[in-house]
Amino acid sequence: IPEDVSNLLGAKPTKSKMKGDEEVGKTSGKVRIAKTGSWHLHA
């Protein structure tokens, strides 16, 4: 759960999703379902 990870680490992610969230491809526009949850912080 991205919010839980943010609370533990003390920062908001650059991007995040929960398993089952819909994702839309930037170039293709195709919708896919996230196979797992993720939390990313980019430099």
All heavy atoms as atom14 arrays in JSON, in Angstrom:
{
  "sequence": "IPEDVSNLLGAKPTKSKMKGDEEVGKTSGKVRIAKTGSWHLHA",
  "atom14_mask": [
    [1, 1, 1, 1, 1, 1, 1, 1, 0, 0, 0, 0, 0, 0],
    [1, 1, 1, 1, 1, 1, 1, 0, 0, 0, 0, 0, 0, 0],
    [1, 1, 1, 1, 1, 1, 1, 1, 1, 0, 0, 0, 0, 0],
    [1, 1, 1, 1, 1, 1, 1, 1, 0, 0, 0, 0, 0, 0],
    [1, 1, 1, 1, 1, 1, 1, 0, 0, 0, 0, 0, 0, 0],
    [1, 1, 1, 1, 1, 1, 0, 0, 0, 0, 0, 0, 0, 0],
    [1, 1, 1, 1, 1, 1, 1, 1, 0, 0, 0, 0, 0, 0],
    [1, 1, 1, 1, 1, 1, 1, 1, 0, 0, 0, 0, 0, 0],
    [1, 1, 1, 1, 1, 1, 1, 1, 0, 0, 0, 0, 0, 0],
    [1, 1, 1, 1, 0, 0, 0, 0, 0, 0, 0, 0, 0, 0],
    [1, 1, 1, 1, 1, 0, 0, 0, 0, 0, 0, 0, 0, 0],
    [1, 1, 1, 1, 1, 1, 1, 1, 1, 0, 0, 0, 0, 0],
    [1, 1, 1, 1, 1, 1, 1, 0, 0, 0, 0, 0, 0, 0],
    [1, 1, 1, 1, 1, 1, 1, 0, 0, 0, 0, 0, 0, 0],
    [1, 1, 1, 1, 1, 1, 1, 1, 1, 0, 0, 0, 0, 0],
    [1, 1, 1, 1, 1, 1, 0, 0, 0, 0, 0, 0, 0, 0],
    [1, 1, 1, 1, 1, 1, 1, 1, 1, 0, 0, 0, 0, 0],
    [1, 1, 1, 1, 1, 1, 1, 1, 0, 0, 0, 0, 0, 0],
    [1, 1, 1, 1, 1, 1, 1, 1, 1, 0, 0, 0, 0, 0],
    [1, 1, 1, 1, 0, 0, 0, 0, 0, 0, 0, 0, 0, 0],
    [1, 1, 1, 1, 1, 1, 1, 1, 0, 0, 0, 0, 0, 0],
    [1, 1, 1, 1, 1, 1, 1, 1, 1, 0, 0, 0, 0, 0],
    [1, 1, 1, 1, 1, 1, 1, 1, 1, 0, 0, 0, 0, 0],
    [1, 1, 1, 1, 1, 1, 1, 0, 0, 0, 0, 0, 0, 0],
    [1, 1, 1, 1, 0, 0, 0, 0, 0, 0, 0, 0, 0, 0],
    [1, 1, 1, 1, 1, 1, 1, 1, 1, 0, 0, 0, 0, 0],
    [1, 1, 1, 1, 1, 1, 1, 0, 0, 0, 0, 0, 0, 0],
    [1, 1, 1, 1, 1, 1, 0, 0, 0, 0, 0, 0, 0, 0],
    [1, 1, 1, 1, 0, 0, 0, 0, 0, 0, 0, 0, 0, 0],
    [1, 1, 1, 1, 1, 1, 1, 1, 1, 0, 0, 0, 0, 0],
    [1, 1, 1, 1, 1, 1, 1, 0, 0, 0, 0, 0, 0, 0],
    [1, 1, 1, 1, 1, 1, 1, 1, 1, 1, 1, 0, 0, 0],
    [1, 1, 1, 1, 1, 1, 1, 1, 0, 0, 0, 0, 0, 0],
    [1, 1, 1, 1, 1, 0, 0, 0, 0, 0, 0, 0, 0, 0],
    [1, 1, 1, 1, 1, 1, 1, 1, 1, 0, 0, 0, 0, 0],
    [1, 1, 1, 1, 1, 1, 1, 0, 0, 0, 0, 0, 0, 0],
    [1, 1, 1, 1, 0, 0, 0, 0, 0, 0, 0, 0, 0, 0],
    [1, 1, 1, 1, 1, 1, 0, 0, 0, 0, 0, 0, 0, 0],
    [1, 1, 1, 1, 1, 1, 1, 1, 1, 1, 1, 1, 1, 1],
    [1, 1, 1, 1, 1, 1, 1, 1, 1, 1, 0, 0, 0, 0],
    [1, 1, 1, 1, 1, 1, 1, 1, 0, 0, 0, 0, 0, 0],
    [1, 1, 1, 1, 1, 1, 1, 1, 1, 1, 0, 0, 0, 0],
    [1, 1, 1, 1, 1, 0, 0, 0, 0, 0, 0, 0, 0, 0]
  ],
  "atom14_positions": [
    [[0.88, -1.17, 0.0], [0.0, 0.0, 0.0], [0.92, 1.22, 0.0], [1.63, 1.46, 0.99], [-0.94, 0.0, 1.22], [-1.83, -1.25, 1.18], [-1.77, 1.29, 1.27], [-2.64, -1.48, 2.43], [0.0, 0.0, 0.0], [0.0, 0.0, 0.0], [0.0, 0.0, 0.0], [0.0, 0.0, 0.0], [0.0, 0.0, 0.0], [0.0, 0.0, 0.0]],
    [[0.95, 1.97, -1.1], [1.91, 3.07, -1.23], [1.92, 4.05, -0.05], [2.98, 4.48, 0.4], [1.5, 3.75, -2.53], [0.92, 2.63, -3.34], [0.18, 1.78, -2.34], [0.0, 0.0, 0.0], [0.0, 0.0, 0.0], [0.0, 0.0, 0.0], [0.0, 0.0, 0.0], [0.0, 0.0, 0.0], [0.0, 0.0, 0.0], [0.0, 0.0, 0.0]],
    [[0.75, 4.38, 0.47], [0.68, 5.33, 1.58], [1.4, 4.78, 2.82], [2.06, 5.53, 3.55], [-0.77, 5.66, 1.91], [-0.91, 6.77, 2.94], [-2.36, 7.16, 3.15], [-3.13, 7.2, 2.18], [-2.71, 7.42, 4.31], [0.0, 0.0, 0.0], [0.0, 0.0, 0.0], [0.0, 0.0, 0.0], [0.0, 0.0, 0.0], [0.0, 0.0, 0.0]],
    [[1.29, 3.48, 3.06], [1.98, 2.87, 4.2], [3.49, 2.96, 4.04], [4.22, 3.25, 4.99], [1.56, 1.41, 4.37], [0.12, 1.26, 4.82], [-0.52, 2.27, 5.21], [-0.39, 0.12, 4.77], [0.0, 0.0, 0.0], [0.0, 0.0, 0.0], [0.0, 0.0, 0.0], [0.0, 0.0, 0.0], [0.0, 0.0, 0.0], [0.0, 0.0, 0.0]],
    [[4.0, 2.7, 2.83], [5.44, 2.8, 2.56], [5.89, 4.25, 2.73], [6.93, 4.51, 3.35], [5.78, 2.26, 1.16], [7.25, 2.5, 0.81], [5.44, 0.76, 1.07], [0.0, 0.0, 0.0], [0.0, 0.0, 0.0], [0.0, 0.0, 0.0], [0.0, 0.0, 0.0], [0.0, 0.0, 0.0], [0.0, 0.0, 0.0], [0.0, 0.0, 0.0]],
    [[5.12, 5.18, 2.22], [5.45, 6.61, 2.38], [5.55, 6.99, 3.84], [6.47, 7.71, 4.25], [4.4, 7.49, 1.69], [4.43, 7.29, 0.3], [0.0, 0.0, 0.0], [0.0, 0.0, 0.0], [0.0, 0.0, 0.0], [0.0, 0.0, 0.0], [0.0, 0.0, 0.0], [0.0, 0.0, 0.0], [0.0, 0.0, 0.0], [0.0, 0.0, 0.0]],
    [[4.61, 6.51, 4.65], [4.63, 6.82, 6.08], [5.86, 6.23, 6.76], [6.46, 6.88, 7.63], [3.35, 6.32, 6.75], [2.14, 7.14, 6.35], [2.25, 8.28, 5.92], [0.97, 6.54, 6.45], [0.0, 0.0, 0.0], [0.0, 0.0, 0.0], [0.0, 0.0, 0.0], [0.0, 0.0, 0.0], [0.0, 0.0, 0.0], [0.0, 0.0, 0.0]],
    [[6.26, 5.02, 6.38], [7.44, 4.4, 6.97], [8.73, 5.13, 6.57], [9.6, 5.35, 7.41], [7.55, 2.93, 6.53], [6.62, 1.95, 7.22], [6.66, 0.59, 6.52], [7.0, 1.79, 8.68], [0.0, 0.0, 0.0], [0.0, 0.0, 0.0], [0.0, 0.0, 0.0], [0.0, 0.0, 0.0], [0.0, 0.0, 0.0], [0.0, 0.0, 0.0]],
    [[8.83, 5.51, 5.3], [10.06, 6.12, 4.8], [10.12, 7.63, 5.02], [11.2, 8.21, 4.97], [10.24, 5.8, 3.31], [10.53, 4.34, 2.99], [10.6, 4.13, 1.48], [11.81, 3.89, 3.66], [0.0, 0.0, 0.0], [0.0, 0.0, 0.0], [0.0, 0.0, 0.0], [0.0, 0.0, 0.0], [0.0, 0.0, 0.0], [0.0, 0.0, 0.0]],
    [[8.97, 8.27, 5.2], [8.95, 9.71, 5.43], [9.01, 10.55, 4.18], [9.41, 11.71, 4.22], [0.0, 0.0, 0.0], [0.0, 0.0, 0.0], [0.0, 0.0, 0.0], [0.0, 0.0, 0.0], [0.0, 0.0, 0.0], [0.0, 0.0, 0.0], [0.0, 0.0, 0.0], [0.0, 0.0, 0.0], [0.0, 0.0, 0.0], [0.0, 0.0, 0.0]],
    [[8.59, 9.98, 3.04], [8.6, 10.73, 1.78], [7.52, 10.19, 0.85], [7.1, 9.03, 0.97], [9.96, 10.62, 1.1], [0.0, 0.0, 0.0], [0.0, 0.0, 0.0], [0.0, 0.0, 0.0], [0.0, 0.0, 0.0], [0.0, 0.0, 0.0], [0.0, 0.0, 0.0], [0.0, 0.0, 0.0], [0.0, 0.0, 0.0], [0.0, 0.0, 0.0]],
    [[7.1, 11.02, -0.06], [6.13, 10.63, -1.07], [6.88, 10.06, -2.28], [7.98, 10.52, -2.61], [5.3, 11.83, -1.5], [4.5, 12.44, -0.37], [3.04, 12.39, -0.68], [2.26, 13.1, 0.42], [1.51, 12.16, 1.2], [0.0, 0.0, 0.0], [0.0, 0.0, 0.0], [0.0, 0.0, 0.0], [0.0, 0.0, 0.0], [0.0, 0.0, 0.0]],
    [[6.3, 9.09, -2.97], [6.96, 8.51, -4.13], [6.84, 9.41, -5.37], [5.96, 10.26, -5.45], [6.19, 7.21, -4.36], [4.8, 7.55, -3.88], [5.01, 8.46, -2.7], [0.0, 0.0, 0.0], [0.0, 0.0, 0.0], [0.0, 0.0, 0.0], [0.0, 0.0, 0.0], [0.0, 0.0, 0.0], [0.0, 0.0, 0.0], [0.0, 0.0, 0.0]],
    [[7.72, 9.16, -6.31], [7.61, 9.78, -7.63], [6.42, 9.17, -8.37], [5.67, 9.85, -9.06], [8.9, 9.56, -8.45], [10.01, 10.02, -7.68], [8.85, 10.3, -9.77], [0.0, 0.0, 0.0], [0.0, 0.0, 0.0], [0.0, 0.0, 0.0], [0.0, 0.0, 0.0], [0.0, 0.0, 0.0], [0.0, 0.0, 0.0], [0.0, 0.0, 0.0]],
    [[6.28, 7.84, -8.21], [5.12, 7.14, -8.75], [4.87, 5.9, -7.9], [5.79, 5.37, -7.26], [5.29, 6.79, -10.23], [6.3, 5.73, -10.53], [6.32, 5.44, -12.04], [7.18, 4.22, -12.32], [7.13, 3.8, -13.71], [0.0, 0.0, 0.0], [0.0, 0.0, 0.0], [0.0, 0.0, 0.0], [0.0, 0.0, 0.0], [0.0, 0.0, 0.0]],
    [[3.62, 5.47, -7.9], [3.26, 4.29, -7.12], [1.96, 3.71, -7.65], [1.22, 4.38, -8.38], [3.1, 4.65, -5.64], [2.02, 5.55, -5.47], [0.0, 0.0, 0.0], [0.0, 0.0, 0.0], [0.0, 0.0, 0.0], [0.0, 0.0, 0.0], [0.0, 0.0, 0.0], [0.0, 0.0, 0.0], [0.0, 0.0, 0.0], [0.0, 0.0, 0.0]],
    [[1.7, 2.46, -7.26], [0.44, 1.82, -7.62], [0.22, 0.63, -6.71], [1.15, 0.11, -6.09], [0.45, 1.37, -9.08], [1.51, 0.36, -9.4], [1.58, 0.08, -10.88], [2.85, -0.73, -11.16], [3.55, -0.3, -12.31], [0.0, 0.0, 0.0], [0.0, 0.0, 0.0], [0.0, 0.0, 0.0], [0.0, 0.0, 0.0], [0.0, 0.0, 0.0]],
    [[-1.02, 0.24, -6.61], [-1.39, -0.97, -5.87], [-1.69, -2.07, -6.87], [-2.06, -1.8, -8.02], [-2.62, -0.7, -4.99], [-2.34, 0.23, -3.84], [-3.79, 0.61, -2.82], [-4.36, -1.0, -2.36], [0.0, 0.0, 0.0], [0.0, 0.0, 0.0], [0.0, 0.0, 0.0], [0.0, 0.0, 0.0], [0.0, 0.0, 0.0], [0.0, 0.0, 0.0]],
    [[-1.51, -3.31, -6.44], [-1.86, -4.44, -7.28], [-3.32, -4.29, -7.71], [-4.19, -3.98, -6.9], [-1.66, -5.75, -6.51], [-1.96, -6.98, -7.31], [-1.68, -8.23, -6.52], [-1.99, -9.46, -7.37], [-1.62, -10.69, -6.68], [0.0, 0.0, 0.0], [0.0, 0.0, 0.0], [0.0, 0.0, 0.0], [0.0, 0.0, 0.0], [0.0, 0.0, 0.0]],
    [[-3.56, -4.47, -9.0], [-4.92, -4.36, -9.52], [-5.26, -2.99, -10.09], [-6.29, -2.84, -10.76], [0.0, 0.0, 0.0], [0.0, 0.0, 0.0], [0.0, 0.0, 0.0], [0.0, 0.0, 0.0], [0.0, 0.0, 0.0], [0.0, 0.0, 0.0], [0.0, 0.0, 0.0], [0.0, 0.0, 0.0], [0.0, 0.0, 0.0], [0.0, 0.0, 0.0]],
    [[-4.42, -1.98, -9.82], [-4.67, -0.65, -10.39], [-4.55, -0.7, -11.92], [-3.75, -1.46, -12.46], [-3.66, 0.38, -9.86], [-3.96, 0.84, -8.45], [-5.02, 0.47, -7.91], [-3.12, 1.56, -7.88], [0.0, 0.0, 0.0], [0.0, 0.0, 0.0], [0.0, 0.0, 0.0], [0.0, 0.0, 0.0], [0.0, 0.0, 0.0], [0.0, 0.0, 0.0]],
    [[-5.34, 0.12, -12.58], [-5.23, 0.23, -14.03], [-4.09, 1.18, -14.38], [-3.92, 2.22, -13.74], [-6.53, 0.78, -14.64], [-7.65, -0.21, -14.66], [-8.87, 0.3, -15.43], [-8.87, 1.47, -15.87], [-9.81, -0.48, -15.57], [0.0, 0.0, 0.0], [0.0, 0.0, 0.0], [0.0, 0.0, 0.0], [0.0, 0.0, 0.0], [0.0, 0.0, 0.0]],
    [[-3.32, 0.79, -15.4], [-2.25, 1.63, -15.92], [-2.5, 1.85, -17.4], [-2.86, 0.92, -18.12], [-0.89, 0.95, -15.76], [-0.52, 0.63, -14.32], [0.79, -0.13, -14.25], [0.78, -1.33, -14.54], [1.8, 0.51, -13.93], [0.0, 0.0, 0.0], [0.0, 0.0, 0.0], [0.0, 0.0, 0.0], [0.0, 0.0, 0.0], [0.0, 0.0, 0.0]],
    [[-2.28, 3.09, -17.85], [-2.46, 3.41, -19.26], [-1.09, 3.69, -19.85], [-0.33, 4.53, -19.34], [-3.38, 4.64, -19.45], [-3.54, 4.98, -20.92], [-4.73, 4.37, -18.8], [0.0, 0.0, 0.0], [0.0, 0.0, 0.0], [0.0, 0.0, 0.0], [0.0, 0.0, 0.0], [0.0, 0.0, 0.0], [0.0, 0.0, 0.0], [0.0, 0.0, 0.0]],
    [[-0.73, 2.97, -20.93], [0.55, 3.16, -21.6], [0.68, 4.58, -22.13], [-0.26, 5.11, -22.73], [0.0, 0.0, 0.0], [0.0, 0.0, 0.0], [0.0, 0.0, 0.0], [0.0, 0.0, 0.0], [0.0, 0.0, 0.0], [0.0, 0.0, 0.0], [0.0, 0.0, 0.0], [0.0, 0.0, 0.0], [0.0, 0.0, 0.0], [0.0, 0.0, 0.0]],
    [[1.85, 5.19, -21.89], [2.07, 6.59, -22.32], [1.97, 6.76, -23.82], [1.4, 7.73, -24.3], [3.43, 7.08, -21.84], [3.52, 7.27, -20.35], [4.9, 7.76, -19.94], [5.0, 7.84, -18.44], [6.33, 8.23, -17.99], [0.0, 0.0, 0.0], [0.0, 0.0, 0.0], [0.0, 0.0, 0.0], [0.0, 0.0, 0.0], [0.0, 0.0, 0.0]],
    [[2.54, 5.84, -24.58], [2.52, 5.98, -26.03], [1.42, 5.15, -26.68], [0.8, 5.59, -27.63], [3.88, 5.59, -26.65], [4.23, 4.28, -26.22], [4.96, 6.56, -26.23], [0.0, 0.0, 0.0], [0.0, 0.0, 0.0], [0.0, 0.0, 0.0], [0.0, 0.0, 0.0], [0.0, 0.0, 0.0], [0.0, 0.0, 0.0], [0.0, 0.0, 0.0]],
    [[1.16, 3.95, -26.15], [0.18, 3.06, -26.77], [-1.25, 3.38, -26.35], [-2.19, 3.11, -27.1], [0.47, 1.6, -26.42], [0.22, 1.38, -25.04], [0.0, 0.0, 0.0], [0.0, 0.0, 0.0], [0.0, 0.0, 0.0], [0.0, 0.0, 0.0], [0.0, 0.0, 0.0], [0.0, 0.0, 0.0], [0.0, 0.0, 0.0], [0.0, 0.0, 0.0]],
    [[-1.41, 3.93, -25.15], [-2.74, 4.2, -24.64], [-3.45, 2.94, -24.15], [-4.6, 3.0, -23.71], [0.0, 0.0, 0.0], [0.0, 0.0, 0.0], [0.0, 0.0, 0.0], [0.0, 0.0, 0.0], [0.0, 0.0, 0.0], [0.0, 0.0, 0.0], [0.0, 0.0, 0.0], [0.0, 0.0, 0.0], [0.0, 0.0, 0.0], [0.0, 0.0, 0.0]],
    [[-2.77, 1.79, -24.23], [-3.37, 0.53, -23.79], [-3.5, 0.51, -22.28], [-2.64, 0.98, -21.55], [-2.52, -0.65, -24.23], [-2.56, -0.92, -25.71], [-1.8, -2.19, -26.03], [-1.87, -2.48, -27.53], [-1.16, -3.72, -27.87], [0.0, 0.0, 0.0], [0.0, 0.0, 0.0], [0.0, 0.0, 0.0], [0.0, 0.0, 0.0], [0.0, 0.0, 0.0]],
    [[-4.6, -0.06, -21.83], [-4.86, -0.19, -20.4], [-4.43, -1.58, -19.98], [-4.76, -2.57, -20.64], [-6.36, 0.02, -20.08], [-6.64, -0.22, -18.61], [-6.8, 1.42, -20.5], [0.0, 0.0, 0.0], [0.0, 0.0, 0.0], [0.0, 0.0, 0.0], [0.0, 0.0, 0.0], [0.0, 0.0, 0.0], [0.0, 0.0, 0.0], [0.0, 0.0, 0.0]],
    [[-3.66, -1.63, -18.88], [-3.29, -2.92, -18.32], [-3.45, -2.85, -16.82], [-3.51, -1.77, -16.23], [-1.9, -3.36, -18.74], [-0.77, -2.56, -18.2], [0.59, -3.15, -18.64], [1.67, -2.64, -17.85], [2.14, -3.17, -16.74], [1.61, -4.29, -16.27], [3.12, -2.63, -16.06], [0.0, 0.0, 0.0], [0.0, 0.0, 0.0], [0.0, 0.0, 0.0]],
    [[-3.54, -3.99, -16.21], [-3.74, -4.09, -14.76], [-2.39, -4.38, -14.09], [-1.68, -5.3, -14.51], [-4.75, -5.21, -14.43], [-6.08, -4.99, -15.18], [-4.98, -5.31, -12.92], [-6.76, -3.68, -14.89], [0.0, 0.0, 0.0], [0.0, 0.0, 0.0], [0.0, 0.0, 0.0], [0.0, 0.0, 0.0], [0.0, 0.0, 0.0], [0.0, 0.0, 0.0]],
    [[-2.06, -3.62, -13.05], [-0.8, -3.82, -12.33], [-0.78, -5.2, -11.69], [-1.69, -5.56, -10.95], [-0.63, -2.74, -11.27], [0.0, 0.0, 0.0], [0.0, 0.0, 0.0], [0.0, 0.0, 0.0], [0.0, 0.0, 0.0], [0.0, 0.0, 0.0], [0.0, 0.0, 0.0], [0.0, 0.0, 0.0], [0.0, 0.0, 0.0], [0.0, 0.0, 0.0]],
    [[0.27, -5.97, -11.97], [0.39, -7.33, -11.43], [0.86, -7.34, -9.99], [0.7, -8.33, -9.28], [1.35, -8.14, -12.29], [0.82, -8.39, -13.68], [1.77, -9.2, -14.51], [1.21, -9.39, -15.92], [2.13, -10.11, -16.78], [0.0, 0.0, 0.0], [0.0, 0.0, 0.0], [0.0, 0.0, 0.0], [0.0, 0.0, 0.0], [0.0, 0.0, 0.0]],
    [[1.47, -6.25, -9.55], [1.92, -6.13, -8.16], [1.92, -4.65, -7.78], [1.84, -3.78, -8.64], [3.33, -6.76, -7.98], [3.6, -6.87, -6.59], [4.4, -5.95, -8.67], [0.0, 0.0, 0.0], [0.0, 0.0, 0.0], [0.0, 0.0, 0.0], [0.0, 0.0, 0.0], [0.0, 0.0, 0.0], [0.0, 0.0, 0.0], [0.0, 0.0, 0.0]],
    [[2.01, -4.38, -6.5], [2.1, -3.0, -6.03], [3.53, -2.51, -6.14], [4.47, -3.3, -6.13], [0.0, 0.0, 0.0], [0.0, 0.0, 0.0], [0.0, 0.0, 0.0], [0.0, 0.0, 0.0], [0.0, 0.0, 0.0], [0.0, 0.0, 0.0], [0.0, 0.0, 0.0], [0.0, 0.0, 0.0], [0.0, 0.0, 0.0], [0.0, 0.0, 0.0]],
    [[3.69, -1.19, -6.26], [5.04, -0.63, -6.34], [5.08, 0.79, -5.79], [4.08, 1.5, -5.78], [5.57, -0.66, -7.77], [4.82, 0.18, -8.6], [0.0, 0.0, 0.0], [0.0, 0.0, 0.0], [0.0, 0.0, 0.0], [0.0, 0.0, 0.0], [0.0, 0.0, 0.0], [0.0, 0.0, 0.0], [0.0, 0.0, 0.0], [0.0, 0.0, 0.0]],
    [[6.28, 1.15, -5.35], [6.58, 2.49, -4.81], [7.95, 2.85, -5.36], [8.91, 2.11, -5.18], [6.59, 2.42, -3.29], [6.66, 3.72, -2.56], [5.61, 4.39, -2.0], [7.83, 4.48, -2.23], [6.06, 5.51, -1.36], [7.41, 5.61, -1.49], [9.19, 4.33, -2.51], [8.31, 6.56, -1.03], [10.07, 5.29, -2.05], [9.62, 6.39, -1.31]],
    [[8.03, 3.97, -6.09], [9.29, 4.39, -6.72], [9.62, 5.83, -6.3], [8.74, 6.69, -6.31], [9.16, 4.42, -8.25], [8.86, 3.1, -8.87], [9.64, 2.56, -9.85], [7.88, 2.2, -8.66], [9.14, 1.4, -10.23], [8.07, 1.16, -9.51], [0.0, 0.0, 0.0], [0.0, 0.0, 0.0], [0.0, 0.0, 0.0], [0.0, 0.0, 0.0]],
    [[10.89, 6.08, -6.01], [11.38, 7.43, -5.79], [12.57, 7.65, -6.72], [13.59, 6.97, -6.6], [11.79, 7.64, -4.32], [12.27, 9.05, -3.97], [11.18, 10.1, -4.25], [12.7, 9.11, -2.52], [0.0, 0.0, 0.0], [0.0, 0.0, 0.0], [0.0, 0.0, 0.0], [0.0, 0.0, 0.0], [0.0, 0.0, 0.0], [0.0, 0.0, 0.0]],
    [[12.41, 8.58, -7.66], [13.42, 8.85, -8.68], [14.3, 10.03, -8.29], [13.81, 11.01, -7.71], [12.74, 9.19, -10.01], [11.97, 8.05, -10.59], [12.38, 7.37, -11.69], [10.8, 7.47, -10.21], [11.51, 6.41, -11.97], [10.53, 6.46, -11.07], [0.0, 0.0, 0.0], [0.0, 0.0, 0.0], [0.0, 0.0, 0.0], [0.0, 0.0, 0.0]],
    [[15.55, 9.95, -8.68], [16.47, 11.09, -8.58], [16.44, 11.85, -9.9], [16.0, 11.32, -10.93], [17.89, 10.6, -8.3], [0.0, 0.0, 0.0], [0.0, 0.0, 0.0], [0.0, 0.0, 0.0], [0.0, 0.0, 0.0], [0.0, 0.0, 0.0], [0.0, 0.0, 0.0], [0.0, 0.0, 0.0], [0.0, 0.0, 0.0], [0.0, 0.0, 0.0]]
  ]
}
